[in-house]
Protein backbone atom coordinates (compact mmCIF):
# COMPACT_ATOMS: atom_id res chain seq x y z
CA PHE A 1 -35.07 25.60 1.87
CA ARG A 2 -38.82 25.15 1.36
CA ALA A 3 -38.66 21.83 3.22
CA LEU A 4 -37.84 23.73 6.44
CA GLU A 5 -41.55 24.62 6.61
CA TYR A 6 -42.24 21.00 7.56
CA LYS A 7 -39.47 20.61 10.14
CA THR A 8 -40.55 21.60 13.63
CA GLN A 9 -38.57 23.94 15.86
CA VAL A 10 -39.58 22.27 19.14
CA PRO A 11 -41.69 19.13 18.52
CA LEU A 12 -45.12 19.50 20.12
CA SER A 13 -47.81 16.87 20.06
CA ALA A 14 -51.14 18.42 19.02
CA SER A 15 -49.28 21.59 18.15
CA GLY A 16 -51.75 23.01 15.64
CA ASP A 17 -51.18 25.19 12.60
CA HIS A 18 -49.32 28.11 14.19
CA VAL A 19 -46.35 26.46 15.88
CA ARG A 20 -42.96 27.71 14.71
CA THR A 21 -41.14 25.60 12.19
CA ARG A 22 -37.54 25.68 11.06
CA LEU A 23 -38.63 27.90 8.17
CA THR A 24 -40.29 30.54 10.35
CA HIS A 25 -37.36 30.41 12.77
CA THR A 26 -34.87 30.84 9.92
CA ILE A 27 -36.76 33.81 8.47
CA GLU A 28 -36.96 35.45 11.90
CA VAL A 29 -33.22 34.94 12.49
CA ALA A 30 -32.40 36.33 9.03
CA SER A 31 -34.48 39.45 9.73
CA LEU A 32 -32.85 40.00 13.12
CA ALA A 33 -29.36 39.37 11.69
CA ARG A 34 -29.93 41.89 8.92
CA SER A 35 -31.11 44.51 11.43
CA LEU A 36 -28.07 43.91 13.62
CA ALA A 37 -25.72 44.11 10.66
CA ARG A 38 -27.30 47.40 9.56
CA SER A 39 -26.95 48.90 13.04
CA LEU A 40 -23.29 47.85 13.25
CA GLY A 41 -22.29 48.85 9.72
CA LEU A 42 -21.68 45.26 8.63
CA ASN A 43 -22.53 43.51 5.37
CA GLU A 44 -26.31 43.03 5.60
CA ASP A 45 -26.53 40.71 2.58
CA LEU A 46 -23.81 38.46 3.95
CA ALA A 47 -25.45 38.23 7.37
CA GLU A 48 -28.80 37.38 5.80
CA ALA A 49 -27.29 34.76 3.47
CA ILE A 50 -25.53 33.06 6.39
CA ALA A 51 -28.74 33.02 8.42
CA LEU A 52 -30.76 31.56 5.55
CA GLY A 53 -28.23 28.77 5.00
CA ARG A 54 -27.46 27.70 8.55
CA ASP A 55 -30.38 25.35 9.12
CA LEU A 56 -30.52 23.70 5.69
CA GLY A 57 -28.97 20.56 7.18
CA HIS A 58 -31.28 20.40 10.17
CA PRO A 59 -32.94 16.97 10.46
CA PRO A 60 -36.67 16.44 11.02
CA PHE A 61 -38.16 16.80 14.52
CA GLY A 62 -35.55 19.18 15.90
CA HIS A 63 -32.50 18.78 18.12
CA PRO A 64 -33.22 15.34 19.67
CA VAL A 65 -33.00 13.69 16.25
CA GLU A 66 -29.73 15.54 15.61
CA HIS A 67 -28.31 13.84 18.71
CA THR A 68 -29.75 10.50 17.56
CA LEU A 69 -28.14 10.79 14.12
CA ASP A 70 -24.83 11.80 15.68
CA ARG A 71 -24.95 8.69 17.89
CA LEU A 72 -25.86 6.44 14.96
CA MET A 73 -23.04 7.94 12.88
CA ARG A 74 -20.30 7.31 15.42
CA GLY A 75 -17.45 5.67 13.59
CA ALA A 76 -18.65 7.18 10.31
CA GLY A 77 -17.87 10.85 10.89
CA GLY A 78 -20.73 11.81 13.20
CA PHE A 79 -23.47 14.32 12.43
CA GLY A 80 -23.92 18.01 13.17
CA ARG A 81 -26.54 20.30 11.68
CA ARG A 82 -24.10 23.12 10.89
CA LEU A 83 -21.66 20.83 9.10
CA GLN A 84 -24.58 19.15 7.32
CA SER A 85 -25.83 22.57 6.20
CA LEU A 86 -22.41 23.21 4.67
CA ARG A 87 -22.57 19.79 3.03
CA VAL A 88 -25.96 20.68 1.55
CA VAL A 89 -24.74 23.90 -0.09
CA GLU A 90 -21.38 22.48 -1.22
CA THR A 91 -22.28 18.93 -2.29
CA LEU A 92 -25.87 17.74 -1.99
CA GLU A 93 -27.75 20.48 -3.84
CA VAL A 94 -27.61 20.08 -7.63
CA LYS A 95 -28.46 23.36 -9.36
CA TYR A 96 -25.75 23.60 -12.03
CA PRO A 97 -24.86 21.28 -14.94
CA ASP A 98 -21.12 21.04 -14.35
CA PHE A 99 -20.68 21.08 -10.54
CA ASN A 100 -22.53 20.29 -7.34
CA GLY A 101 -23.56 22.82 -4.72
CA LEU A 102 -24.96 26.34 -4.78
CA ASN A 103 -21.85 28.29 -5.86
CA LEU A 104 -21.86 30.39 -2.69
CA THR A 105 -19.01 32.69 -1.72
CA ARG A 106 -16.37 31.56 0.74
CA GLU A 107 -17.63 34.10 3.28
CA VAL A 108 -21.14 32.64 3.23
CA ARG A 109 -19.86 29.07 3.50
CA GLN A 110 -17.54 29.95 6.36
CA GLY A 111 -20.43 31.68 8.10
CA ILE A 112 -22.66 28.62 7.77
CA HIS A 113 -20.01 26.47 9.45
CA PRO A 114 -17.16 28.68 10.72
CA GLY A 115 -14.75 25.88 11.69
CA THR A 116 -12.23 28.54 12.68
CA SER A 117 -8.69 27.64 13.63
CA ALA A 118 -7.28 28.35 17.08
CA GLY A 119 -6.77 32.03 17.78
CA THR A 120 -9.31 33.27 15.25
CA SER A 121 -12.99 34.06 15.54
CA PRO A 122 -15.91 33.86 13.07
CA SER A 123 -16.67 36.84 10.86
CA LEU A 124 -18.59 39.71 12.41
CA GLU A 125 -21.58 38.84 10.22
CA SER A 126 -21.46 35.25 11.48
CA GLN A 127 -21.34 36.56 15.05
CA ALA A 128 -24.39 38.71 14.29
CA VAL A 129 -26.24 35.60 13.11
CA ASP A 130 -25.25 33.73 16.27
CA LEU A 131 -26.65 36.54 18.38
CA ALA A 132 -29.82 36.79 16.29
CA ASP A 133 -30.33 33.05 16.71
CA GLU A 134 -30.02 33.44 20.49
CA VAL A 135 -32.59 36.24 20.52
CA ALA A 136 -35.00 34.21 18.40
CA HIS A 137 -34.62 31.11 20.54
CA CYS A 138 -35.21 32.99 23.79
CA CYS A 139 -38.19 35.04 22.64
CA HIS A 140 -39.94 32.71 20.26
CA ASP A 141 -39.49 29.49 22.24
CA LEU A 142 -40.89 31.38 25.22
CA GLU A 143 -43.85 32.48 23.11
CA ASP A 144 -44.44 28.93 21.83
CA ALA A 145 -44.17 27.52 25.36
CA LEU A 146 -46.91 29.87 26.56
CA GLU A 147 -49.09 29.30 23.49
CA SER A 148 -48.84 25.53 23.92
CA GLY A 149 -50.14 25.71 27.49
CA LEU A 150 -47.14 23.75 28.77
CA LEU A 151 -45.80 26.79 30.62
CA ASP A 152 -47.77 28.79 33.20
CA PRO A 153 -47.17 32.56 32.84
CA GLY A 154 -47.20 32.83 36.62
CA ALA A 155 -44.05 30.72 36.80
CA LEU A 156 -42.16 33.46 34.95
CA ARG A 157 -42.55 36.04 37.71
CA GLY A 158 -39.18 35.07 39.14
CA ILE A 159 -37.37 35.54 35.81
CA GLU A 160 -35.75 38.96 35.68
CA LEU A 161 -36.03 39.50 31.92
CA TRP A 162 -39.72 38.66 31.98
CA LYS A 163 -40.38 40.95 34.97
CA GLU A 164 -38.52 43.89 33.43
CA THR A 165 -40.27 43.57 30.08
CA GLU A 166 -43.73 42.98 31.50
CA SER A 167 -43.51 45.87 33.96
CA GLY A 168 -42.35 48.21 31.17
CA ILE A 169 -45.37 47.23 29.09
CA ARG A 170 -47.73 47.79 32.02
CA ARG A 171 -46.31 51.27 32.60
CA ASN A 172 -46.83 52.29 28.97
CA TYR A 173 -50.03 50.38 28.23
CA THR A 174 -52.16 50.56 31.35
CA ARG A 175 -55.32 49.17 29.75
CA LEU A 176 -53.92 46.01 28.19
CA ASN A 177 -55.49 42.81 29.51
CA PRO A 178 -53.18 39.99 30.74
CA GLU A 179 -53.56 38.01 27.50
CA ARG A 180 -52.50 40.88 25.25
CA THR A 181 -49.72 41.83 27.65
CA ARG A 182 -48.36 38.30 27.51
CA ARG A 183 -48.42 38.28 23.72
CA PHE A 184 -46.63 41.64 23.58
CA VAL A 185 -43.82 40.58 25.91
CA SER A 186 -42.05 38.48 23.26
CA ARG A 187 -41.89 41.38 20.80
CA CYS A 188 -40.68 43.85 23.42
CA LEU A 189 -38.17 41.37 24.79
CA ALA A 190 -36.63 40.89 21.34
CA ASP A 191 -36.28 44.67 20.93
CA HIS A 192 -34.73 44.93 24.40
CA LEU A 193 -32.15 42.23 23.66
CA VAL A 194 -31.22 43.68 20.28
CA GLU A 195 -30.79 47.20 21.73
CA ASP A 196 -28.48 45.82 24.43
CA ALA A 197 -26.45 43.87 21.86
CA VAL A 198 -26.08 46.88 19.57
CA ARG A 199 -24.79 49.09 22.41
CA GLN A 200 -22.29 46.48 23.59
CA SER A 201 -21.15 45.54 20.09
CA ILE A 202 -20.59 49.16 19.05
CA ALA A 203 -18.47 49.65 22.17
CA SER A 204 -16.42 46.53 21.37
CA LEU A 205 -15.92 47.55 17.74
CA GLU A 206 -14.82 51.03 18.81
CA GLU A 207 -12.37 49.52 21.30
CA PHE A 208 -10.69 47.12 18.86
CA HIS A 209 -11.47 49.04 15.66
CA PRO A 210 -10.76 46.23 13.16
CA ALA A 211 -10.01 47.67 9.71
CA SER A 212 -10.89 44.49 7.82
CA ALA A 213 -12.56 41.11 8.16
CA ALA A 214 -9.13 39.53 8.58
CA GLU A 215 -8.30 41.86 11.46
CA ALA A 216 -11.65 41.13 13.12
CA GLY A 217 -10.99 37.40 12.91
CA ALA A 218 -7.45 37.77 14.26
CA ILE A 219 -8.74 39.45 17.43
CA GLY A 220 -9.77 35.99 18.58
CA GLN A 221 -12.82 36.98 20.58
CA THR A 222 -16.50 37.66 19.99
CA LEU A 223 -17.23 41.34 19.35
CA VAL A 224 -20.93 41.09 18.53
CA THR A 225 -22.40 40.18 21.88
CA PHE A 226 -24.61 41.17 24.80
CA THR A 227 -23.46 43.06 27.86
CA PRO A 228 -22.26 40.71 30.63
CA LEU A 229 -25.34 41.56 32.72
CA MET A 230 -27.74 40.80 29.85
CA ASP A 231 -25.86 37.61 29.05
CA LYS A 232 -26.43 36.47 32.64
CA LYS A 233 -30.15 37.28 32.42
CA ILE A 234 -30.45 35.35 29.14
CA ARG A 235 -28.75 32.30 30.64
CA ASN A 236 -31.22 32.48 33.51
CA LEU A 237 -34.15 32.50 31.08
CA ARG A 238 -32.66 29.68 28.99
CA ASP A 239 -32.11 27.58 32.12
CA PHE A 240 -35.72 28.19 33.10
CA LEU A 241 -37.00 27.15 29.66
CA GLY A 242 -34.78 24.08 29.79
CA LYS A 243 -36.26 22.90 33.06
CA ASN A 244 -39.86 23.92 32.45
CA PHE A 245 -40.37 23.60 28.68
CA TYR A 246 -37.65 21.73 26.76
CA ARG A 247 -37.61 19.00 29.42
CA HIS A 248 -41.37 19.02 30.03
CA PRO A 249 -42.66 15.40 30.14
CA ASP A 250 -44.86 15.96 27.07
CA ILE A 251 -41.94 17.34 25.06
CA CYS A 252 -39.62 14.57 26.24
CA GLU A 253 -42.12 11.90 25.20
CA VAL A 254 -42.51 13.35 21.71
CA ASN A 255 -38.72 13.72 21.41
CA GLN A 256 -38.22 10.09 22.39
CA ARG A 257 -40.74 8.91 19.80
CA ALA A 258 -39.17 11.10 17.12
CA SER A 259 -35.78 9.58 17.88
CA GLN A 260 -37.31 6.11 17.63
CA VAL A 261 -38.67 6.95 14.18
CA LEU A 262 -35.29 8.11 12.87
CA GLN A 263 -33.41 5.20 14.42
CA GLY A 264 -35.95 2.76 12.97
CA LEU A 265 -35.52 4.29 9.52
CA PHE A 266 -31.72 4.31 9.81
CA GLU A 267 -31.68 0.62 10.69
CA PHE A 268 -34.21 -0.26 7.97
CA TYR A 269 -32.27 1.52 5.23
CA HIS A 270 -29.05 -0.14 6.34
CA LEU A 271 -30.76 -3.43 5.49
CA HIS A 272 -32.30 -2.01 2.29
CA PRO A 273 -30.03 0.83 1.08
CA HIS A 274 -31.35 0.60 -2.47
CA LEU A 275 -34.65 2.11 -1.24
CA ILE A 276 -33.26 5.54 -0.38
CA ALA A 277 -33.40 8.31 -2.99
CA GLU A 278 -31.46 7.60 -6.18
CA ARG A 279 -29.03 10.48 -5.71
CA ALA A 280 -28.20 9.18 -2.24
CA VAL A 281 -27.72 5.63 -3.56
CA LEU A 282 -25.16 6.95 -6.05
CA ARG A 283 -23.05 8.31 -3.16
CA ILE A 284 -22.82 4.97 -1.35
CA LYS A 285 -19.75 3.77 -3.25
CA LYS A 286 -17.84 6.99 -2.66
CA GLU A 287 -18.89 7.90 0.87
CA GLY A 288 -20.29 4.73 2.42
CA VAL A 289 -23.78 3.50 3.16
CA SER A 290 -24.09 5.21 6.56
CA ARG A 291 -23.28 8.67 5.20
CA ALA A 292 -25.63 8.21 2.25
CA ILE A 293 -28.45 7.17 4.59
CA CYS A 294 -27.68 10.04 6.96
CA ASP A 295 -27.83 12.54 4.08
CA TYR A 296 -31.15 11.10 3.01
CA LEU A 297 -32.71 11.07 6.49
CA SER A 298 -31.53 14.55 7.44
CA GLY A 299 -33.22 15.87 4.31
CA LEU A 300 -36.62 14.44 5.23
CA THR A 301 -39.37 16.59 6.69
CA ASP A 302 -41.31 15.52 9.78
CA ARG A 303 -44.14 14.44 7.52
CA THR A 304 -42.05 12.39 5.08
CA ALA A 305 -40.16 10.75 7.94
CA MET A 306 -43.46 9.59 9.44
CA GLN A 307 -44.67 8.40 6.03
CA GLN A 308 -41.46 6.43 5.45
CA TYR A 309 -41.69 4.93 8.93
CA ALA A 310 -45.33 3.94 8.44
CA ARG A 311 -44.51 2.33 5.11
CA HIS A 312 -41.44 0.39 6.17
CA VAL A 313 -41.29 0.02 9.94
CA GLY A 314 -43.75 1.60 12.26
CA THR A 315 -46.69 1.19 14.52
CA ASP A 316 -49.76 3.42 14.51
CA SER A 317 -49.40 4.28 18.20
CA LEU A 318 -45.91 5.70 17.77
CA LEU A 319 -46.85 7.82 14.76
CA ARG A 320 -50.08 9.05 16.33
CA GLU A 321 -48.11 10.83 19.07
CA LEU A 322 -46.04 12.67 16.46
CA THR A 323 -48.90 13.86 14.27
CA PRO A 324 -49.99 17.47 15.02
CA GLN A 325 -53.73 17.93 15.35
CA ALA A 326 -55.53 20.77 13.64
CA ALA A 327 -56.01 23.87 15.78
């Protein structure tokens, strides 16, 4: 879990000390999920535990490396961060003398990677975590995009969620300067999204009135969700961030270099599998060299991945682009 501090949320060259990491994102999601669960009368501890476990299998450098590992693992079972998170808590972590894993309840493990069968839906607590993750991504990626300077605040004037939130702030805080207004938008937007989700989710729960977790799963549809109108507004914001931030040339360049680092390491360790961590080496006979290497690489932080690449494979120019500069 502590290693998530050194795995970036959205890789940014020269990102400084205050960029969000997987750890800060996970803590924010857990807090939001717990608040949602409390408002809806769900199991707060379960929602928080699911949120804290969901990103344990996330590889270094964010989503592009996840896609790279999945491509490299074709024919060997593929790779997905949710399934890898489940693998971490069930198999890879060694905290007890007589069995592997973290001894989590079935409900927590199913929430980390639902894997539901046809006609059923994830637990309500798992749905709350999904929604909290969506809120965090929208608000905090927007905040990071503005802080990085890659996104011009003026470009957001056509985005309905931004306009609504900003105008509400200006009505209530007439003396705020543009900089403080911009910084406050993310907080207010998160509150706005959560309030909408609570209203809609309460209405859905009252309509279906599931008496147990089994009944909620048998309904076969998501009950913890936004209103249709808010869902449309969120998709609009996410599309905007996709075009103007996630696919910004600077981000794309860093993503490409990060993928090169992981692919280079994957290929190197295929030639020299004895150099991966001892616990991973011991799994080669049972699960194959590719899976053992994948487990090892997905557990690296951004920093250790760059160190391994520099030691075994890399060029200074490639690593320089991936090294955040001090703020």
